[in-house]
Amino acid sequence: MRRYLLVGLPVYVLGLMLLAPASLLTWGIGRWAGGKVQMVNASGSLWNGRMERLQISLPDVGPVALDDVHWRLRPDRLLWGATPIHVENRTGDLVMHTDVGLLRDGVRLADARIELPLARFSGAILSPVAKGLRGDLVMDSDAIRLARPYRGSAQGELRVTAGKLPAGTYSIDIKGEGPKLTFRWNGPKGPRAMSGGGWWDGTLHLDGVPGAISR
């Protein structure tokens, strides 16, 4: 009997894990995020699933929704320090595909691409230059830690179509530097080229009003 238990119990537990429903991930993420993350109508399994909506509450921004979200869970990637969850979506307040690792007070992203409309987030930017800003932000990162202490980097484009900044495409670089994320941007090309920067410490700040630069 003891021999059967030693063999049968691990097999039984493994079977339960393999057949675990998506609702188990919903419960776990809800406990980890303290209600700041909500998953709506999750289906599939713990390891490979889909949800109609993933809603995340961000400081000074409010709830941000990702629609038609798919995920794959690979816990074996933890053995070599890689991020264990792949997440991607097609519509919503922002669109992204990335590998995610959960941290105590944030997340770690790898092989990430994120696209978001500026109008949805301009209210969180503490600068007059952000008022009425329209366009999109597209960012790529090999690895970045979005939790204190911030680490890693990201690069992308700020595509402005309306607002106090001249319309055009701006390059942007983000670096994690301990207590904050710092960034610099330049563009658009031409005689009205501008540059600026700022930081994120829970709220987005800009270094004053950017000025013209020579090229």
C-alpha atoms as a PDB file:
ATOM      1  CA  MET A   1       0.000   0.000   0.000  1.00  0.00           C
ATOM      2  CA  ARG A   2       2.806   2.414   0.882  1.00  0.00           C
ATOM      3  CA  ARG A   3       4.461   1.724  -2.462  1.00  0.00           C
ATOM      4  CA  TYR A   4       1.209   2.460  -4.309  1.00  0.00           C
ATOM      5  CA  LEU A   5       0.815   5.697  -2.381  1.00  0.00           C
ATOM      6  CA  LEU A   6       4.373   6.787  -3.147  1.00  0.00           C
ATOM      7  CA  VAL A   7       3.762   6.259  -6.855  1.00  0.00           C
ATOM      8  CA  GLY A   8       0.073   7.104  -7.124  1.00  0.00           C
ATOM      9  CA  LEU A   9      -0.013  10.322  -5.102  1.00  0.00           C
ATOM     10  CA  PRO A  10       2.561  12.209  -7.224  1.00  0.00           C
ATOM     11  CA  VAL A  11       0.839  10.988 -10.401  1.00  0.00           C
ATOM     12  CA  TYR A  12      -2.524  12.166  -9.036  1.00  0.00           C
ATOM     13  CA  VAL A  13      -1.126  15.590  -8.095  1.00  0.00           C
ATOM     14  CA  LEU A  14       0.572  15.913 -11.498  1.00  0.00           C
ATOM     15  CA  GLY A  15      -2.718  15.058 -13.199  1.00  0.00           C
ATOM     16  CA  LEU A  16      -4.537  17.744 -11.239  1.00  0.00           C
ATOM     17  CA  MET A  17      -1.900  20.307 -12.215  1.00  0.00           C
ATOM     18  CA  LEU A  18      -2.046  19.376 -15.905  1.00  0.00           C
ATOM     19  CA  LEU A  19      -5.844  19.625 -15.907  1.00  0.00           C
ATOM     20  CA  ALA A  20      -5.993  22.794 -13.792  1.00  0.00           C
ATOM     21  CA  PRO A  21      -8.564  25.243 -15.202  1.00  0.00           C
ATOM     22  CA  ALA A  22      -7.914  28.856 -16.200  1.00  0.00           C
ATOM     23  CA  SER A  23      -9.917  29.988 -13.177  1.00  0.00           C
ATOM     24  CA  LEU A  24      -6.995  28.909 -10.986  1.00  0.00           C
ATOM     25  CA  LEU A  25      -4.812  31.567 -12.653  1.00  0.00           C
ATOM     26  CA  THR A  26      -7.613  34.113 -12.216  1.00  0.00           C
ATOM     27  CA  TRP A  27      -7.689  33.382  -8.499  1.00  0.00           C
ATOM     28  CA  GLY A  28      -3.887  33.484  -8.127  1.00  0.00           C
ATOM     29  CA  ILE A  29      -3.427  36.761 -10.032  1.00  0.00           C
ATOM     30  CA  GLY A  30      -6.282  38.327  -8.059  1.00  0.00           C
ATOM     31  CA  ARG A  31      -4.628  37.423  -4.747  1.00  0.00           C
ATOM     32  CA  TRP A  32      -1.186  38.630  -5.893  1.00  0.00           C
ATOM     33  CA  ALA A  33      -2.478  41.960  -7.257  1.00  0.00           C
ATOM     34  CA  GLY A  34      -4.763  42.782  -4.341  1.00  0.00           C
ATOM     35  CA  GLY A  35      -7.719  43.564  -6.588  1.00  0.00           C
ATOM     36  CA  LYS A  36      -5.757  45.830  -8.959  1.00  0.00           C
ATOM     37  CA  VAL A  37      -5.969  43.217 -11.726  1.00  0.00           C
ATOM     38  CA  GLN A  38      -9.230  41.705 -12.893  1.00  0.00           C
ATOM     39  CA  MET A  39      -9.612  38.873 -15.399  1.00  0.00           C
ATOM     40  CA  VAL A  40     -12.989  38.555 -17.148  1.00  0.00           C
ATOM     41  CA  ASN A  41     -14.373  35.312 -18.617  1.00  0.00           C
ATOM     42  CA  ALA A  42     -11.183  33.249 -18.558  1.00  0.00           C
ATOM     43  CA  SER A  43     -11.300  29.934 -20.417  1.00  0.00           C
ATOM     44  CA  GLY A  44      -8.931  27.112 -21.264  1.00  0.00           C
ATOM     45  CA  SER A  45      -6.357  25.760 -18.838  1.00  0.00           C
ATOM     46  CA  LEU A  46      -3.884  27.172 -16.354  1.00  0.00           C
ATOM     47  CA  TRP A  47      -1.123  26.518 -18.892  1.00  0.00           C
ATOM     48  CA  ASN A  48      -2.749  27.810 -22.081  1.00  0.00           C
ATOM     49  CA  GLY A  49      -5.795  30.036 -21.874  1.00  0.00           C
ATOM     50  CA  ARG A  50      -7.734  33.053 -23.026  1.00  0.00           C
ATOM     51  CA  MET A  51      -9.780  35.790 -21.385  1.00  0.00           C
ATOM     52  CA  GLU A  52     -12.175  38.319 -22.857  1.00  0.00           C
ATOM     53  CA  ARG A  53     -10.665  41.165 -20.849  1.00  0.00           C
ATOM     54  CA  LEU A  54      -7.741  41.866 -18.523  1.00  0.00           C
ATOM     55  CA  GLN A  55      -8.262  45.090 -16.554  1.00  0.00           C
ATOM     56  CA  ILE A  56      -5.363  46.698 -14.681  1.00  0.00           C
ATOM     57  CA  SER A  57      -5.615  49.708 -12.341  1.00  0.00           C
ATOM     58  CA  LEU A  58      -2.669  52.090 -12.858  1.00  0.00           C
ATOM     59  CA  PRO A  59      -1.767  55.062 -10.587  1.00  0.00           C
ATOM     60  CA  ASP A  60      -3.124  58.406 -11.855  1.00  0.00           C
ATOM     61  CA  VAL A  61      -4.491  56.715 -14.979  1.00  0.00           C
ATOM     62  CA  GLY A  62      -7.324  54.496 -13.785  1.00  0.00           C
ATOM     63  CA  PRO A  63      -8.316  51.109 -15.184  1.00  0.00           C
ATOM     64  CA  VAL A  64      -6.650  50.057 -18.437  1.00  0.00           C
ATOM     65  CA  ALA A  65      -8.238  47.234 -20.418  1.00  0.00           C
ATOM     66  CA  LEU A  66      -6.625  44.599 -22.639  1.00  0.00           C
ATOM     67  CA  ASP A  67      -9.177  42.684 -24.723  1.00  0.00           C
ATOM     68  CA  ASP A  68      -8.944  39.194 -26.224  1.00  0.00           C
ATOM     69  CA  VAL A  69      -5.928  38.199 -24.123  1.00  0.00           C
ATOM     70  CA  HIS A  70      -4.094  34.892 -24.639  1.00  0.00           C
ATOM     71  CA  TRP A  71      -1.457  33.403 -22.333  1.00  0.00           C
ATOM     72  CA  ARG A  72       0.908  30.454 -22.072  1.00  0.00           C
ATOM     73  CA  LEU A  73       2.505  29.409 -18.795  1.00  0.00           C
ATOM     74  CA  ARG A  74       5.995  27.827 -18.837  1.00  0.00           C
ATOM     75  CA  PRO A  75       7.224  27.342 -15.226  1.00  0.00           C
ATOM     76  CA  ASP A  76      10.249  25.350 -16.460  1.00  0.00           C
ATOM     77  CA  ARG A  77      11.713  28.662 -17.743  1.00  0.00           C
ATOM     78  CA  LEU A  78      12.259  29.679 -14.117  1.00  0.00           C
ATOM     79  CA  LEU A  79      15.088  27.128 -13.938  1.00  0.00           C
ATOM     80  CA  TRP A  80      17.336  29.417 -16.014  1.00  0.00           C
ATOM     81  CA  GLY A  81      15.908  32.706 -14.755  1.00  0.00           C
ATOM     82  CA  ALA A  82      13.629  33.406 -17.728  1.00  0.00           C
ATOM     83  CA  THR A  83      10.150  34.937 -17.543  1.00  0.00           C
ATOM     84  CA  PRO A  84       7.561  32.129 -17.290  1.00  0.00           C
ATOM     85  CA  ILE A  85       4.355  33.664 -18.740  1.00  0.00           C
ATOM     86  CA  HIS A  86       3.755  34.746 -22.337  1.00  0.00           C
ATOM     87  CA  VAL A  87       0.886  37.224 -22.799  1.00  0.00           C
ATOM     88  CA  GLU A  88      -0.495  38.798 -25.957  1.00  0.00           C
ATOM     89  CA  ASN A  89      -3.669  40.626 -26.949  1.00  0.00           C
ATOM     90  CA  ARG A  90      -5.137  42.204 -30.061  1.00  0.00           C
ATOM     91  CA  THR A  91      -7.362  45.075 -28.914  1.00  0.00           C
ATOM     92  CA  GLY A  92      -8.036  47.331 -25.929  1.00  0.00           C
ATOM     93  CA  ASP A  93      -6.505  50.447 -24.347  1.00  0.00           C
ATOM     94  CA  LEU A  94      -3.084  49.004 -25.175  1.00  0.00           C
ATOM     95  CA  VAL A  95      -1.842  46.137 -27.320  1.00  0.00           C
ATOM     96  CA  MET A  96       1.163  44.040 -26.384  1.00  0.00           C
ATOM     97  CA  HIS A  97       2.978  40.747 -26.662  1.00  0.00           C
ATOM     98  CA  THR A  98       5.548  39.991 -24.004  1.00  0.00           C
ATOM     99  CA  ASP A  99       7.000  37.428 -21.629  1.00  0.00           C
ATOM    100  CA  VAL A 100       6.106  38.316 -18.037  1.00  0.00           C
ATOM    101  CA  GLY A 101       7.591  37.487 -14.664  1.00  0.00           C
ATOM    102  CA  LEU A 102       5.647  38.475 -11.542  1.00  0.00           C
ATOM    103  CA  LEU A 103       7.481  40.420  -8.822  1.00  0.00           C
ATOM    104  CA  ARG A 104       6.299  41.406  -5.370  1.00  0.00           C
ATOM    105  CA  ASP A 105       5.469  44.982  -6.389  1.00  0.00           C
ATOM    106  CA  GLY A 106       5.486  44.871 -10.183  1.00  0.00           C
ATOM    107  CA  VAL A 107       6.499  42.838 -13.214  1.00  0.00           C
ATOM    108  CA  ARG A 108       9.530  41.948 -15.297  1.00  0.00           C
ATOM    109  CA  LEU A 109       9.101  41.995 -19.087  1.00  0.00           C
ATOM    110  CA  ALA A 110      11.215  40.329 -21.773  1.00  0.00           C
ATOM    111  CA  ASP A 111      10.957  40.335 -25.579  1.00  0.00           C
ATOM    112  CA  ALA A 112       8.217  42.927 -25.207  1.00  0.00           C
ATOM    113  CA  ARG A 113       6.363  45.085 -27.711  1.00  0.00           C
ATOM    114  CA  ILE A 114       3.738  47.528 -26.428  1.00  0.00           C
ATOM    115  CA  GLU A 115       1.520  49.931 -28.377  1.00  0.00           C
ATOM    116  CA  LEU A 116      -0.734  52.478 -26.686  1.00  0.00           C
ATOM    117  CA  PRO A 117      -2.701  55.609 -27.676  1.00  0.00           C
ATOM    118  CA  LEU A 118      -1.378  58.841 -26.139  1.00  0.00           C
ATOM    119  CA  ALA A 119      -4.866  60.239 -25.528  1.00  0.00           C
ATOM    120  CA  ARG A 120      -5.605  57.416 -23.072  1.00  0.00           C
ATOM    121  CA  PHE A 121      -2.630  58.307 -20.855  1.00  0.00           C
ATOM    122  CA  SER A 122      -1.947  62.021 -21.391  1.00  0.00           C
ATOM    123  CA  GLY A 123      -3.885  62.921 -18.221  1.00  0.00           C
ATOM    124  CA  ALA A 124      -1.181  61.250 -16.125  1.00  0.00           C
ATOM    125  CA  ILE A 125       1.633  63.397 -17.564  1.00  0.00           C
ATOM    126  CA  LEU A 126       2.446  66.349 -15.299  1.00  0.00           C
ATOM    127  CA  SER A 127       3.346  68.850 -18.015  1.00  0.00           C
ATOM    128  CA  PRO A 128       1.435  71.439 -20.098  1.00  0.00           C
ATOM    129  CA  VAL A 129       2.978  69.946 -23.239  1.00  0.00           C
ATOM    130  CA  ALA A 130       0.856  66.808 -22.774  1.00  0.00           C
ATOM    131  CA  LYS A 131      -2.490  68.622 -22.934  1.00  0.00           C
ATOM    132  CA  GLY A 132      -4.426  67.531 -26.014  1.00  0.00           C
ATOM    133  CA  LEU A 133      -1.626  65.231 -27.151  1.00  0.00           C
ATOM    134  CA  ARG A 134      -2.781  62.675 -29.718  1.00  0.00           C
ATOM    135  CA  GLY A 135      -0.976  59.840 -31.420  1.00  0.00           C
ATOM    136  CA  ASP A 136       0.600  56.535 -30.401  1.00  0.00           C
ATOM    137  CA  LEU A 137       3.578  55.218 -28.462  1.00  0.00           C
ATOM    138  CA  VAL A 138       5.267  52.024 -29.656  1.00  0.00           C
ATOM    139  CA  MET A 139       7.956  50.465 -27.421  1.00  0.00           C
ATOM    140  CA  ASP A 140      10.223  47.417 -27.659  1.00  0.00           C
ATOM    141  CA  SER A 141      12.377  45.930 -24.900  1.00  0.00           C
ATOM    142  CA  ASP A 142      14.642  42.914 -24.599  1.00  0.00           C
ATOM    143  CA  ALA A 143      14.318  43.103 -20.811  1.00  0.00           C
ATOM    144  CA  ILE A 144      13.003  45.672 -18.344  1.00  0.00           C
ATOM    145  CA  ARG A 145      12.004  45.501 -14.678  1.00  0.00           C
ATOM    146  CA  LEU A 146       8.897  47.583 -13.918  1.00  0.00           C
ATOM    147  CA  ALA A 147       9.280  47.528 -10.155  1.00  0.00           C
ATOM    148  CA  ARG A 148      11.641  49.220  -7.717  1.00  0.00           C
ATOM    149  CA  PRO A 149      14.536  49.019  -8.174  1.00  0.00           C
ATOM    150  CA  TYR A 150      13.947  49.640 -11.874  1.00  0.00           C
ATOM    151  CA  ARG A 151      16.359  47.926 -14.254  1.00  0.00           C
ATOM    152  CA  GLY A 152      16.716  47.389 -18.000  1.00  0.00           C
ATOM    153  CA  SER A 153      15.884  49.500 -21.026  1.00  0.00           C
ATOM    154  CA  ALA A 154      13.358  50.027 -23.812  1.00  0.00           C
ATOM    155  CA  GLN A 155      13.380  51.850 -27.140  1.00  0.00           C
ATOM    156  CA  GLY A 156      10.586  53.047 -29.360  1.00  0.00           C
ATOM    157  CA  GLU A 157       8.762  55.758 -31.257  1.00  0.00           C
ATOM    158  CA  LEU A 158       6.363  58.510 -30.215  1.00  0.00           C
ATOM    159  CA  ARG A 159       4.068  59.197 -33.177  1.00  0.00           C
ATOM    160  CA  VAL A 160       2.377  62.566 -32.609  1.00  0.00           C
ATOM    161  CA  THR A 161      -0.608  63.574 -34.753  1.00  0.00           C
ATOM    162  CA  ALA A 162      -1.977  66.544 -32.722  1.00  0.00           C
ATOM    163  CA  GLY A 163      -1.190  68.625 -29.632  1.00  0.00           C
ATOM    164  CA  LYS A 164       1.471  71.076 -28.449  1.00  0.00           C
ATOM    165  CA  LEU A 165       4.335  69.038 -29.886  1.00  0.00           C
ATOM    166  CA  PRO A 166       4.991  69.325 -33.638  1.00  0.00           C
ATOM    167  CA  ALA A 167       3.424  66.420 -35.516  1.00  0.00           C
ATOM    168  CA  GLY A 168       5.825  63.687 -36.547  1.00  0.00           C
ATOM    169  CA  THR A 169       7.774  60.713 -35.249  1.00  0.00           C
ATOM    170  CA  TYR A 170      10.035  61.036 -32.186  1.00  0.00           C
ATOM    171  CA  SER A 171      12.578  58.471 -30.989  1.00  0.00           C
ATOM    172  CA  ILE A 172      12.447  57.603 -27.293  1.00  0.00           C
ATOM    173  CA  ASP A 173      14.799  55.691 -24.978  1.00  0.00           C
ATOM    174  CA  ILE A 174      13.886  54.487 -21.475  1.00  0.00           C
ATOM    175  CA  LYS A 175      16.294  53.244 -18.800  1.00  0.00           C
ATOM    176  CA  GLY A 176      15.671  51.773 -15.381  1.00  0.00           C
ATOM    177  CA  GLU A 177      17.766  53.576 -12.779  1.00  0.00           C
ATOM    178  CA  GLY A 178      16.895  52.331  -9.301  1.00  0.00           C
ATOM    179  CA  PRO A 179      14.054  54.415  -7.840  1.00  0.00           C
ATOM    180  CA  LYS A 180      12.780  55.652 -11.216  1.00  0.00           C
ATOM    181  CA  LEU A 181      12.566  55.107 -14.949  1.00  0.00           C
ATOM    182  CA  THR A 182      14.242  57.901 -16.931  1.00  0.00           C
ATOM    183  CA  PHE A 183      13.671  58.675 -20.579  1.00  0.00           C
ATOM    184  CA  ARG A 184      14.941  60.898 -23.381  1.00  0.00           C
ATOM    185  CA  TRP A 185      13.281  61.665 -26.707  1.00  0.00           C
ATOM    186  CA  ASN A 186      14.236  63.463 -29.938  1.00  0.00           C
ATOM    187  CA  GLY A 187      12.351  64.498 -33.077  1.00  0.00           C
ATOM    188  CA  PRO A 188      10.717  64.990 -35.398  1.00  0.00           C
ATOM    189  CA  LYS A 189      13.225  65.393 -38.204  1.00  0.00           C
ATOM    190  CA  GLY A 190      13.499  68.792 -39.812  1.00  0.00           C
ATOM    191  CA  PRO A 191      13.781  72.460 -38.745  1.00  0.00           C
ATOM    192  CA  ARG A 192      11.306  72.001 -35.881  1.00  0.00           C
ATOM    193  CA  ALA A 193      13.332  69.222 -34.273  1.00  0.00           C
ATOM    194  CA  MET A 194      12.970  69.089 -30.480  1.00  0.00           C
ATOM    195  CA  SER A 195      14.335  67.095 -27.581  1.00  0.00           C
ATOM    196  CA  GLY A 196      13.303  66.453 -24.015  1.00  0.00           C
ATOM    197  CA  GLY A 197      13.207  63.966 -21.193  1.00  0.00           C
ATOM    198  CA  GLY A 198      11.735  63.090 -17.847  1.00  0.00           C
ATOM    199  CA  TRP A 199      11.169  60.267 -15.408  1.00  0.00           C
ATOM    200  CA  TRP A 200       8.583  57.919 -13.925  1.00  0.00           C
ATOM    201  CA  ASP A 201       8.447  57.382 -10.158  1.00  0.00           C
ATOM    202  CA  GLY A 202       4.792  56.341  -9.907  1.00  0.00           C
ATOM    203  CA  THR A 203       3.726  59.425 -11.871  1.00  0.00           C
ATOM    204  CA  LEU A 204       5.048  60.596 -15.224  1.00  0.00           C
ATOM    205  CA  HIS A 205       7.076  63.865 -15.159  1.00  0.00           C
ATOM    206  CA  LEU A 206       8.620  65.849 -18.007  1.00  0.00           C
ATOM    207  CA  ASP A 207      11.715  68.098 -17.759  1.00  0.00           C
ATOM    208  CA  GLY A 208       9.887  71.342 -18.513  1.00  0.00           C
ATOM    209  CA  VAL A 209       8.893  72.408 -22.003  1.00  0.00           C
ATOM    210  CA  PRO A 210      11.247  70.980 -24.651  1.00  0.00           C
ATOM    211  CA  GLY A 211      13.163  73.362 -26.893  1.00  0.00           C
ATOM    212  CA  ALA A 212      14.511  73.334 -30.414  1.00  0.00           C
ATOM    213  CA  ILE A 213      17.858  71.711 -31.034  1.00  0.00           C
ATOM    214  CA  SER A 214      20.269  71.900 -33.975  1.00  0.00           C
ATOM    215  CA  ARG A 215      21.250  68.851 -35.962  1.00  0.00           C
END
